[in-house]
């Protein structure tokens, strides 16, 4: 199949493909885009995240390392780096990633990302559990602001919306949601 015959996908499209259940197809599309021409951090991140979801830690690690070499301040990349090594039981590398997150984005140190860090039990490691990360309250307004800056608009909208439901008195969140929706329609 020639390059002209193959559909070209943006990271957003690939992410959507993965979200509706086509993880393997989404990963293959992302890798195809990367092989063809694109040195786009968003593509590397989406591919790394999907590989992680497919429990292909080696591929995920390889892609996240490429991402971080392209974009050394990519918050979601460092978070995924930490999760990969946490799942592998390599607390030194996982903690290194958390250090990098807090160094790059000092405002996130308030989240105390290490509060639940412990070596995963054998059972957690065997079944690929991310329970520690799911329990962390990482989805704050600061994190959503960073997601907007890095172009992860859907993630930011989800966080702002959840925070707005929990804190209806914060009119700033309503303003951010409206601005973000307008931006998404404009770029849609």
N, C-alpha and C. Protein backbone atom coordinates (compact mmCIF):
# COMPACT_ATOMS: atom_id res chain seq x y z
N UNK A 1 0.85 -1.17 0.00
CA UNK A 1 0.00 0.00 0.00
C UNK A 1 0.89 1.23 0.00
N UNK A 2 0.65 2.14 -0.88
CA UNK A 2 1.46 3.35 -0.95
C UNK A 2 1.02 4.33 0.12
N UNK A 3 1.86 5.32 0.36
CA UNK A 3 1.55 6.33 1.35
C UNK A 3 0.26 7.06 1.00
N UNK A 4 0.02 7.28 -0.30
CA UNK A 4 -1.19 7.99 -0.71
C UNK A 4 -2.44 7.17 -0.43
N UNK A 5 -2.34 5.83 -0.49
CA UNK A 5 -3.49 4.96 -0.29
C UNK A 5 -3.83 4.78 1.19
N UNK A 6 -2.88 4.99 2.06
CA UNK A 6 -3.08 4.77 3.49
C UNK A 6 -3.70 6.01 4.12
N UNK A 7 -4.72 5.81 4.94
CA UNK A 7 -5.34 6.94 5.64
C UNK A 7 -4.33 7.53 6.61
N UNK A 8 -4.37 8.83 6.74
CA UNK A 8 -3.51 9.52 7.68
C UNK A 8 -4.35 9.96 8.87
N UNK A 9 -3.85 9.72 10.06
CA UNK A 9 -4.59 10.04 11.27
C UNK A 9 -3.81 11.00 12.15
N UNK A 10 -4.55 11.88 12.80
CA UNK A 10 -3.97 12.76 13.81
C UNK A 10 -4.04 12.02 15.15
N UNK A 11 -3.26 12.47 16.10
CA UNK A 11 -3.25 11.85 17.42
C UNK A 11 -4.65 11.81 18.03
N UNK A 12 -5.42 12.86 17.82
CA UNK A 12 -6.78 12.93 18.35
C UNK A 12 -7.63 11.79 17.79
N UNK A 13 -7.53 11.56 16.48
CA UNK A 13 -8.31 10.50 15.83
C UNK A 13 -7.89 9.12 16.34
N UNK A 14 -6.61 8.94 16.52
CA UNK A 14 -6.09 7.67 17.01
C UNK A 14 -6.55 7.43 18.44
N UNK A 15 -6.51 8.48 19.25
CA UNK A 15 -6.98 8.38 20.62
C UNK A 15 -8.45 7.99 20.65
N UNK A 16 -9.25 8.62 19.83
CA UNK A 16 -10.68 8.31 19.75
C UNK A 16 -10.87 6.85 19.32
N UNK A 17 -10.10 6.39 18.35
CA UNK A 17 -10.18 5.00 17.88
C UNK A 17 -9.91 4.04 19.05
N UNK A 18 -8.90 4.35 19.84
CA UNK A 18 -8.58 3.52 20.99
C UNK A 18 -9.67 3.55 22.04
N UNK A 19 -10.28 4.72 22.24
CA UNK A 19 -11.31 4.86 23.26
C UNK A 19 -12.58 4.09 22.93
N UNK A 20 -12.83 3.84 21.65
CA UNK A 20 -14.04 3.08 21.29
C UNK A 20 -13.76 1.59 21.18
N UNK A 21 -12.59 1.18 21.61
CA UNK A 21 -12.31 -0.24 21.72
C UNK A 21 -11.33 -0.82 20.74
N UNK A 22 -10.87 -0.07 19.79
CA UNK A 22 -9.92 -0.60 18.82
C UNK A 22 -8.49 -0.31 19.21
N UNK A 23 -8.07 -0.79 20.37
CA UNK A 23 -6.74 -0.48 20.87
C UNK A 23 -5.63 -0.95 19.93
N UNK A 24 -5.70 -2.19 19.49
CA UNK A 24 -4.64 -2.71 18.62
C UNK A 24 -4.60 -1.92 17.31
N UNK A 25 -5.77 -1.65 16.73
CA UNK A 25 -5.83 -0.88 15.48
C UNK A 25 -5.30 0.54 15.71
N UNK A 26 -5.66 1.13 16.84
CA UNK A 26 -5.20 2.48 17.15
C UNK A 26 -3.68 2.50 17.30
N UNK A 27 -3.12 1.51 18.00
CA UNK A 27 -1.67 1.45 18.17
C UNK A 27 -0.98 1.29 16.82
N UNK A 28 -1.49 0.41 15.99
CA UNK A 28 -0.90 0.22 14.66
C UNK A 28 -0.97 1.49 13.82
N UNK A 29 -2.08 2.22 13.92
CA UNK A 29 -2.21 3.49 13.19
C UNK A 29 -1.20 4.51 13.68
N UNK A 30 -1.06 4.60 15.01
CA UNK A 30 -0.10 5.55 15.58
C UNK A 30 1.32 5.20 15.16
N UNK A 31 1.66 3.93 15.23
CA UNK A 31 3.01 3.51 14.84
C UNK A 31 3.24 3.75 13.35
N UNK A 32 2.21 3.56 12.55
CA UNK A 32 2.32 3.84 11.12
C UNK A 32 2.59 5.32 10.86
N UNK A 33 1.89 6.17 11.58
CA UNK A 33 2.10 7.62 11.43
C UNK A 33 3.52 8.00 11.85
N UNK A 34 3.99 7.41 12.94
CA UNK A 34 5.33 7.70 13.43
C UNK A 34 6.37 7.23 12.41
N UNK A 35 6.18 6.02 11.88
CA UNK A 35 7.13 5.48 10.89
C UNK A 35 7.14 6.30 9.60
N UNK A 36 5.98 6.79 9.21
CA UNK A 36 5.88 7.53 7.94
C UNK A 36 6.64 8.85 7.98
N UNK A 37 6.40 9.63 9.00
CA UNK A 37 6.96 10.97 8.92
C UNK A 37 6.85 11.80 10.19
N UNK A 38 5.98 11.44 11.06
CA UNK A 38 5.63 12.37 12.12
C UNK A 38 6.47 12.19 13.37
N UNK A 39 7.06 13.26 13.78
CA UNK A 39 7.77 13.32 15.04
C UNK A 39 6.97 14.24 15.95
N UNK A 40 5.75 13.81 16.18
CA UNK A 40 4.78 14.60 16.94
C UNK A 40 4.65 14.00 18.33
N UNK A 41 4.89 14.81 19.34
CA UNK A 41 4.81 14.33 20.71
C UNK A 41 3.46 13.73 21.05
N UNK A 42 2.39 14.32 20.52
CA UNK A 42 1.05 13.79 20.80
C UNK A 42 0.91 12.37 20.27
N UNK A 43 1.47 12.10 19.10
CA UNK A 43 1.41 10.74 18.54
C UNK A 43 2.20 9.76 19.40
N UNK A 44 3.40 10.17 19.82
CA UNK A 44 4.20 9.30 20.67
C UNK A 44 3.47 9.00 21.99
N UNK A 45 2.84 10.04 22.56
CA UNK A 45 2.14 9.83 23.82
C UNK A 45 0.95 8.88 23.65
N UNK A 46 0.13 9.13 22.64
CA UNK A 46 -1.04 8.28 22.41
C UNK A 46 -0.59 6.84 22.18
N UNK A 47 0.43 6.65 21.36
CA UNK A 47 0.92 5.30 21.09
C UNK A 47 1.45 4.65 22.37
N UNK A 48 2.20 5.40 23.17
CA UNK A 48 2.76 4.85 24.42
C UNK A 48 1.65 4.49 25.39
N UNK A 49 0.64 5.34 25.49
CA UNK A 49 -0.48 5.07 26.41
C UNK A 49 -1.26 3.84 25.96
N UNK A 50 -1.51 3.73 24.67
CA UNK A 50 -2.25 2.57 24.17
C UNK A 50 -1.44 1.29 24.37
N UNK A 51 -0.14 1.33 24.10
CA UNK A 51 0.71 0.16 24.34
C UNK A 51 0.66 -0.23 25.82
N UNK A 52 0.65 0.76 26.69
CA UNK A 52 0.54 0.51 28.13
C UNK A 52 -0.79 -0.18 28.44
N UNK A 53 -1.88 0.32 27.85
CA UNK A 53 -3.19 -0.28 28.08
C UNK A 53 -3.25 -1.71 27.56
N UNK A 54 -2.49 -1.99 26.52
CA UNK A 54 -2.41 -3.35 25.99
C UNK A 54 -1.43 -4.22 26.77
N UNK A 55 -0.84 -3.64 27.82
CA UNK A 55 0.13 -4.32 28.68
C UNK A 55 1.43 -4.66 27.94
N UNK A 56 1.75 -3.88 26.92
CA UNK A 56 3.03 -4.04 26.21
C UNK A 56 3.98 -2.99 26.79
N UNK A 57 4.51 -3.31 27.96
CA UNK A 57 5.33 -2.34 28.70
C UNK A 57 6.61 -1.99 27.96
N UNK A 58 7.19 -2.93 27.24
CA UNK A 58 8.43 -2.64 26.51
C UNK A 58 8.18 -1.61 25.42
N UNK A 59 7.11 -1.79 24.65
CA UNK A 59 6.77 -0.83 23.58
C UNK A 59 6.40 0.51 24.19
N UNK A 60 5.63 0.48 25.26
CA UNK A 60 5.23 1.72 25.92
C UNK A 60 6.45 2.48 26.43
N UNK A 61 7.38 1.76 27.04
CA UNK A 61 8.61 2.40 27.54
C UNK A 61 9.40 3.02 26.38
N UNK A 62 9.55 2.28 25.31
CA UNK A 62 10.30 2.78 24.15
C UNK A 62 9.67 4.06 23.62
N UNK A 63 8.36 4.06 23.49
CA UNK A 63 7.66 5.24 22.95
C UNK A 63 7.70 6.42 23.90
N UNK A 64 7.55 6.16 25.20
CA UNK A 64 7.57 7.27 26.15
C UNK A 64 8.98 7.88 26.23
N UNK A 65 10.00 7.06 26.10
CA UNK A 65 11.37 7.60 26.09
C UNK A 65 11.59 8.49 24.86
N UNK A 66 11.06 8.07 23.71
CA UNK A 66 11.16 8.91 22.51
C UNK A 66 10.39 10.22 22.70
N UNK A 67 9.21 10.11 23.30
CA UNK A 67 8.41 11.30 23.58
C UNK A 67 9.18 12.27 24.46
N UNK A 68 9.76 11.76 25.54
CA UNK A 68 10.46 12.64 26.48
C UNK A 68 11.75 13.21 25.90
N UNK A 69 12.32 12.53 24.91
CA UNK A 69 13.48 13.12 24.24
C UNK A 69 13.03 14.26 23.33
N UNK A 70 11.82 14.16 22.77
CA UNK A 70 11.27 15.24 21.95
C UNK A 70 10.75 16.40 22.79
N UNK A 71 10.06 16.04 23.87
CA UNK A 71 9.40 17.03 24.72
C UNK A 71 9.73 16.73 26.18
N UNK A 72 10.87 17.20 26.66
CA UNK A 72 11.32 16.86 28.02
C UNK A 72 10.40 17.33 29.15
N UNK A 73 9.47 18.24 28.86
CA UNK A 73 8.57 18.72 29.91
C UNK A 73 7.15 18.20 29.72
N UNK A 74 6.99 17.09 29.06
CA UNK A 74 5.67 16.53 28.79
C UNK A 74 5.16 15.83 30.05
N UNK A 75 4.25 16.49 30.76
CA UNK A 75 3.74 15.99 32.03
C UNK A 75 3.15 14.60 31.91
N UNK A 76 2.27 14.39 30.95
CA UNK A 76 1.65 13.07 30.81
C UNK A 76 2.67 12.00 30.45
N UNK A 77 3.71 12.39 29.72
CA UNK A 77 4.78 11.45 29.41
C UNK A 77 5.50 11.01 30.67
N UNK A 78 5.83 11.95 31.54
CA UNK A 78 6.50 11.60 32.80
C UNK A 78 5.59 10.77 33.69
N UNK A 79 4.30 11.09 33.69
CA UNK A 79 3.36 10.31 34.49
C UNK A 79 3.29 8.87 33.97
N UNK A 80 3.23 8.71 32.66
CA UNK A 80 3.21 7.37 32.09
C UNK A 80 4.52 6.63 32.38
N UNK A 81 5.64 7.35 32.31
CA UNK A 81 6.95 6.78 32.66
C UNK A 81 6.89 6.21 34.08
N UNK A 82 6.34 7.00 35.00
CA UNK A 82 6.23 6.56 36.40
C UNK A 82 5.34 5.33 36.51
N UNK A 83 4.24 5.32 35.79
CA UNK A 83 3.31 4.18 35.85
C UNK A 83 3.94 2.91 35.29
N UNK A 84 4.68 3.04 34.20
CA UNK A 84 5.33 1.88 33.60
C UNK A 84 6.27 1.22 34.61
N UNK A 85 7.11 2.05 35.22
CA UNK A 85 8.08 1.49 36.16
C UNK A 85 7.44 1.07 37.47
N UNK A 86 6.37 1.73 37.85
CA UNK A 86 5.64 1.27 39.03
C UNK A 86 5.10 -0.13 38.78
N UNK A 87 4.50 -0.33 37.61
CA UNK A 87 3.95 -1.65 37.28
C UNK A 87 5.04 -2.71 37.25
N UNK A 88 6.24 -2.31 36.83
CA UNK A 88 7.36 -3.26 36.80
C UNK A 88 8.00 -3.48 38.16
N UNK A 89 7.62 -2.65 39.13
CA UNK A 89 8.19 -2.77 40.46
C UNK A 89 9.51 -2.04 40.61
N UNK A 90 9.86 -1.17 39.68
CA UNK A 90 11.10 -0.40 39.71
C UNK A 90 10.80 0.97 40.33
N UNK A 91 10.83 1.00 41.67
CA UNK A 91 10.44 2.22 42.39
C UNK A 91 11.44 3.36 42.18
N UNK A 92 12.71 3.05 41.94
CA UNK A 92 13.70 4.10 41.74
C UNK A 92 13.36 4.91 40.48
N UNK A 93 13.07 4.23 39.39
CA UNK A 93 12.72 4.95 38.15
C UNK A 93 11.36 5.61 38.26
N UNK A 94 10.43 4.95 38.91
CA UNK A 94 9.11 5.54 39.09
C UNK A 94 9.21 6.83 39.92
N UNK A 95 9.98 6.77 40.99
CA UNK A 95 10.17 7.97 41.82
C UNK A 95 10.93 9.06 41.08
N UNK A 96 11.86 8.67 40.22
CA UNK A 96 12.58 9.64 39.40
C UNK A 96 11.59 10.42 38.55
N UNK A 97 10.62 9.72 37.95
CA UNK A 97 9.63 10.40 37.12
C UNK A 97 8.80 11.37 37.94
N UNK A 98 8.42 10.97 39.15
CA UNK A 98 7.67 11.87 40.02
C UNK A 98 8.52 13.09 40.36
N UNK A 99 9.81 12.89 40.62
CA UNK A 99 10.71 14.02 40.88
C UNK A 99 10.71 14.98 39.69
N UNK A 100 10.76 14.43 38.49
CA UNK A 100 10.77 15.27 37.28
C UNK A 100 9.46 16.05 37.16
N UNK A 101 8.33 15.39 37.43
CA UNK A 101 7.04 16.08 37.37
C UNK A 101 7.04 17.26 38.34
N UNK A 102 7.49 17.03 39.55
CA UNK A 102 7.48 18.08 40.56
C UNK A 102 8.51 19.16 40.27
N UNK A 103 9.61 18.81 39.62
CA UNK A 103 10.61 19.81 39.25
C UNK A 103 10.10 20.69 38.11
N UNK A 104 9.47 20.09 37.13
CA UNK A 104 8.98 20.83 35.98
C UNK A 104 7.75 21.64 36.33
N UNK A 105 6.86 21.06 37.14
CA UNK A 105 5.61 21.71 37.52
C UNK A 105 5.51 21.75 39.04
N UNK A 106 6.22 22.68 39.69
CA UNK A 106 6.25 22.72 41.16
C UNK A 106 4.87 22.80 41.80
N UNK A 107 3.90 23.39 41.11
CA UNK A 107 2.55 23.49 41.68
C UNK A 107 1.95 22.11 41.93
N UNK A 108 2.42 21.10 41.22
CA UNK A 108 1.88 19.75 41.40
C UNK A 108 2.43 19.06 42.64
N UNK A 109 3.46 19.64 43.26
CA UNK A 109 3.99 19.01 44.47
C UNK A 109 2.95 19.01 45.59
N UNK A 110 1.96 19.90 45.50
CA UNK A 110 0.88 19.93 46.49
C UNK A 110 0.05 18.64 46.46
N UNK A 111 0.12 17.91 45.38
CA UNK A 111 -0.66 16.68 45.26
C UNK A 111 -0.05 15.52 46.02
N UNK A 112 1.21 15.67 46.41
CA UNK A 112 1.92 14.62 47.14
C UNK A 112 1.78 13.29 46.40
N UNK A 113 2.30 13.26 45.19
CA UNK A 113 2.17 12.09 44.33
C UNK A 113 2.74 10.82 44.96
N UNK A 114 3.64 10.98 45.91
CA UNK A 114 4.26 9.80 46.53
C UNK A 114 3.46 9.25 47.70
N UNK A 115 2.36 9.89 48.06
CA UNK A 115 1.67 9.51 49.30
C UNK A 115 1.36 8.02 49.38
N UNK A 116 1.10 7.39 48.29
CA UNK A 116 0.75 5.99 48.35
C UNK A 116 1.78 5.09 47.71
N UNK A 117 2.93 5.67 47.35
CA UNK A 117 3.92 4.84 46.67
C UNK A 117 4.45 3.77 47.59
N UNK A 118 4.33 2.58 47.10
CA UNK A 118 4.90 1.44 47.80
C UNK A 118 5.20 0.41 46.73
N UNK A 119 6.03 -0.50 47.05
CA UNK A 119 6.30 -1.58 46.09
C UNK A 119 5.00 -2.34 45.90
N UNK A 120 4.58 -2.56 44.64
CA UNK A 120 3.33 -3.30 44.43
C UNK A 120 3.46 -4.73 44.94
N UNK A 121 2.36 -5.24 45.47
CA UNK A 121 2.37 -6.64 45.91
C UNK A 121 2.55 -7.52 44.69
N UNK A 122 2.92 -8.77 44.93
CA UNK A 122 3.10 -9.72 43.82
C UNK A 122 1.83 -9.82 43.01
N UNK A 123 0.68 -9.86 43.70
CA UNK A 123 -0.60 -9.96 43.01
C UNK A 123 -0.87 -8.72 42.14
N UNK A 124 -0.60 -7.52 42.69
CA UNK A 124 -0.79 -6.29 41.92
C UNK A 124 0.12 -6.27 40.70
N UNK A 125 1.36 -6.63 40.88
CA UNK A 125 2.31 -6.62 39.77
C UNK A 125 1.91 -7.64 38.71
N UNK A 126 1.47 -8.81 39.15
CA UNK A 126 1.09 -9.86 38.21
C UNK A 126 -0.12 -9.49 37.36
N UNK A 127 -1.09 -8.78 37.96
CA UNK A 127 -2.28 -8.45 37.18
C UNK A 127 -2.21 -7.05 36.60
N UNK A 128 -1.06 -6.39 36.68
CA UNK A 128 -0.87 -5.07 36.07
C UNK A 128 -1.67 -3.98 36.76
N UNK A 129 -1.91 -4.12 38.04
CA UNK A 129 -2.74 -3.16 38.76
C UNK A 129 -2.11 -1.77 38.81
N UNK A 130 -2.96 -0.79 38.59
CA UNK A 130 -2.56 0.61 38.74
C UNK A 130 -3.33 1.23 39.89
N UNK A 131 -3.73 0.43 40.86
CA UNK A 131 -4.60 0.90 41.93
C UNK A 131 -4.03 2.14 42.61
N UNK A 132 -2.73 2.18 42.80
CA UNK A 132 -2.13 3.32 43.49
C UNK A 132 -2.37 4.61 42.71
N UNK A 133 -2.31 4.53 41.40
CA UNK A 133 -2.52 5.72 40.58
C UNK A 133 -3.98 6.11 40.52
N UNK A 134 -4.85 5.14 40.55
CA UNK A 134 -6.28 5.44 40.50
C UNK A 134 -6.73 6.08 41.80
N UNK A 135 -6.06 5.78 42.90
CA UNK A 135 -6.42 6.36 44.18
C UNK A 135 -5.85 7.76 44.36
N UNK A 136 -4.84 8.11 43.61
CA UNK A 136 -4.23 9.43 43.73
C UNK A 136 -5.18 10.48 43.16
N UNK A 137 -5.35 11.57 43.87
CA UNK A 137 -6.21 12.65 43.39
C UNK A 137 -5.36 13.60 42.56
N UNK A 138 -5.05 13.16 41.35
CA UNK A 138 -4.16 13.89 40.48
C UNK A 138 -4.92 14.89 39.61
N UNK A 139 -6.22 14.73 39.52
CA UNK A 139 -7.00 15.54 38.59
C UNK A 139 -7.46 16.82 39.27
N UNK A 140 -6.57 17.78 39.29
CA UNK A 140 -6.83 19.08 39.90
C UNK A 140 -6.93 20.13 38.81
N UNK A 141 -7.30 21.32 39.21
CA UNK A 141 -7.39 22.44 38.26
C UNK A 141 -6.01 22.74 37.65
N UNK A 142 -4.97 22.65 38.46
CA UNK A 142 -3.61 22.87 37.95
C UNK A 142 -3.27 21.86 36.87
N UNK A 143 -3.59 20.60 37.12
CA UNK A 143 -3.32 19.56 36.13
C UNK A 143 -4.13 19.82 34.85
N UNK A 144 -5.39 20.21 35.00
CA UNK A 144 -6.22 20.53 33.83
C UNK A 144 -5.63 21.69 33.04
N UNK A 145 -5.13 22.71 33.74
CA UNK A 145 -4.49 23.84 33.05
C UNK A 145 -3.29 23.37 32.23
N UNK A 146 -2.51 22.47 32.79
CA UNK A 146 -1.34 21.94 32.09
C UNK A 146 -1.80 21.12 30.88
N UNK A 147 -2.87 20.34 31.04
CA UNK A 147 -3.41 19.57 29.91
C UNK A 147 -3.81 20.50 28.77
N UNK A 148 -4.41 21.63 29.09
CA UNK A 148 -4.78 22.61 28.06
C UNK A 148 -3.52 23.11 27.37
N UNK A 149 -2.52 23.48 28.15
CA UNK A 149 -1.26 23.98 27.57
C UNK A 149 -0.61 22.96 26.66
N UNK A 150 -0.74 21.67 26.98
CA UNK A 150 -0.10 20.62 26.19
C UNK A 150 -1.01 20.07 25.10
N UNK A 151 -2.23 20.63 24.99
CA UNK A 151 -3.12 20.24 23.90
C UNK A 151 -4.03 19.07 24.18
N UNK A 152 -4.12 18.63 25.43
CA UNK A 152 -5.02 17.53 25.78
C UNK A 152 -6.35 18.12 26.25
N UNK A 153 -7.08 18.65 25.28
CA UNK A 153 -8.28 19.42 25.57
C UNK A 153 -9.41 18.55 26.14
N UNK A 154 -9.59 17.36 25.61
CA UNK A 154 -10.65 16.49 26.12
C UNK A 154 -10.40 16.13 27.58
N UNK A 155 -9.17 15.81 27.91
CA UNK A 155 -8.82 15.47 29.30
C UNK A 155 -9.07 16.68 30.20
N UNK A 156 -8.66 17.86 29.76
CA UNK A 156 -8.86 19.07 30.55
C UNK A 156 -10.35 19.34 30.76
N UNK A 157 -11.14 19.19 29.70
CA UNK A 157 -12.59 19.42 29.81
C UNK A 157 -13.22 18.46 30.81
N UNK A 158 -12.80 17.20 30.77
CA UNK A 158 -13.32 16.22 31.70
C UNK A 158 -12.99 16.62 33.15
N UNK A 159 -11.75 17.04 33.38
CA UNK A 159 -11.34 17.42 34.74
C UNK A 159 -12.08 18.67 35.20
N UNK A 160 -12.11 19.70 34.36
CA UNK A 160 -12.84 20.92 34.73
C UNK A 160 -14.30 20.62 35.04
N UNK A 161 -14.92 19.76 34.23
CA UNK A 161 -16.34 19.44 34.42
C UNK A 161 -16.56 18.73 35.75
N UNK A 162 -15.71 17.74 36.06
CA UNK A 162 -15.84 17.03 37.33
C UNK A 162 -15.60 17.97 38.52
N UNK A 163 -14.61 18.84 38.38
CA UNK A 163 -14.34 19.79 39.46
C UNK A 163 -15.50 20.78 39.63
N UNK A 164 -16.10 21.19 38.51
CA UNK A 164 -17.23 22.11 38.56
C UNK A 164 -18.43 21.48 39.26
N UNK A 165 -18.67 20.21 38.99
CA UNK A 165 -19.77 19.50 39.67
C UNK A 165 -19.52 19.41 41.17
N UNK A 166 -18.27 19.19 41.54
CA UNK A 166 -17.92 19.07 42.96
C UNK A 166 -17.85 20.42 43.66
N UNK A 167 -17.60 21.49 42.88
CA UNK A 167 -17.44 22.84 43.44
C UNK A 167 -18.26 23.85 42.62
N UNK A 168 -19.59 23.78 42.67
CA UNK A 168 -20.41 24.65 41.82
C UNK A 168 -20.24 26.14 42.11
N UNK A 169 -19.71 26.48 43.27
CA UNK A 169 -19.52 27.88 43.63
C UNK A 169 -18.32 28.52 42.92
N UNK A 170 -17.46 27.71 42.31
CA UNK A 170 -16.26 28.24 41.63
C UNK A 170 -16.62 28.64 40.19
N UNK A 171 -16.94 29.91 40.01
CA UNK A 171 -17.33 30.40 38.68
C UNK A 171 -16.15 30.38 37.70
N UNK A 172 -14.94 30.38 38.22
CA UNK A 172 -13.75 30.31 37.37
C UNK A 172 -13.75 29.03 36.55
N UNK A 173 -14.23 27.95 37.12
CA UNK A 173 -14.28 26.68 36.40
C UNK A 173 -15.28 26.75 35.24
N UNK A 174 -16.42 27.38 35.48
CA UNK A 174 -17.41 27.54 34.41
C UNK A 174 -16.84 28.35 33.26
N UNK A 175 -16.08 29.39 33.59
CA UNK A 175 -15.46 30.22 32.56
C UNK A 175 -14.45 29.39 31.76
N UNK A 176 -13.63 28.60 32.45
CA UNK A 176 -12.63 27.78 31.77
C UNK A 176 -13.30 26.74 30.87
N UNK A 177 -14.40 26.16 31.33
CA UNK A 177 -15.13 25.18 30.53
C UNK A 177 -15.66 25.83 29.26
N UNK A 178 -16.25 27.01 29.39
CA UNK A 178 -16.80 27.72 28.22
C UNK A 178 -15.68 28.07 27.23
N UNK A 179 -14.56 28.58 27.73
CA UNK A 179 -13.43 28.92 26.86
C UNK A 179 -12.87 27.68 26.16
N UNK A 180 -12.78 26.60 26.89
CA UNK A 180 -12.24 25.37 26.33
C UNK A 180 -13.17 24.80 25.26
N UNK A 181 -14.47 24.82 25.50
CA UNK A 181 -15.43 24.33 24.50
C UNK A 181 -15.35 25.18 23.24
N UNK A 182 -15.23 26.49 23.40
CA UNK A 182 -15.10 27.37 22.22
C UNK A 182 -13.83 27.05 21.46
N UNK A 183 -12.74 26.81 22.17
CA UNK A 183 -11.47 26.46 21.54
C UNK A 183 -11.57 25.12 20.80
N UNK A 184 -12.27 24.18 21.40
CA UNK A 184 -12.41 22.86 20.78
C UNK A 184 -13.27 22.94 19.51
N UNK A 185 -14.30 23.75 19.52
CA UNK A 185 -15.14 23.92 18.33
C UNK A 185 -14.32 24.58 17.22
N UNK A 186 -13.54 25.56 17.60
CA UNK A 186 -12.70 26.28 16.64
C UNK A 186 -11.69 25.37 15.98
N UNK A 187 -11.10 24.44 16.76
CA UNK A 187 -10.08 23.52 16.23
C UNK A 187 -10.68 22.23 15.73
N UNK A 188 -11.99 22.03 15.99
CA UNK A 188 -12.71 20.80 15.71
C UNK A 188 -12.57 20.30 14.36
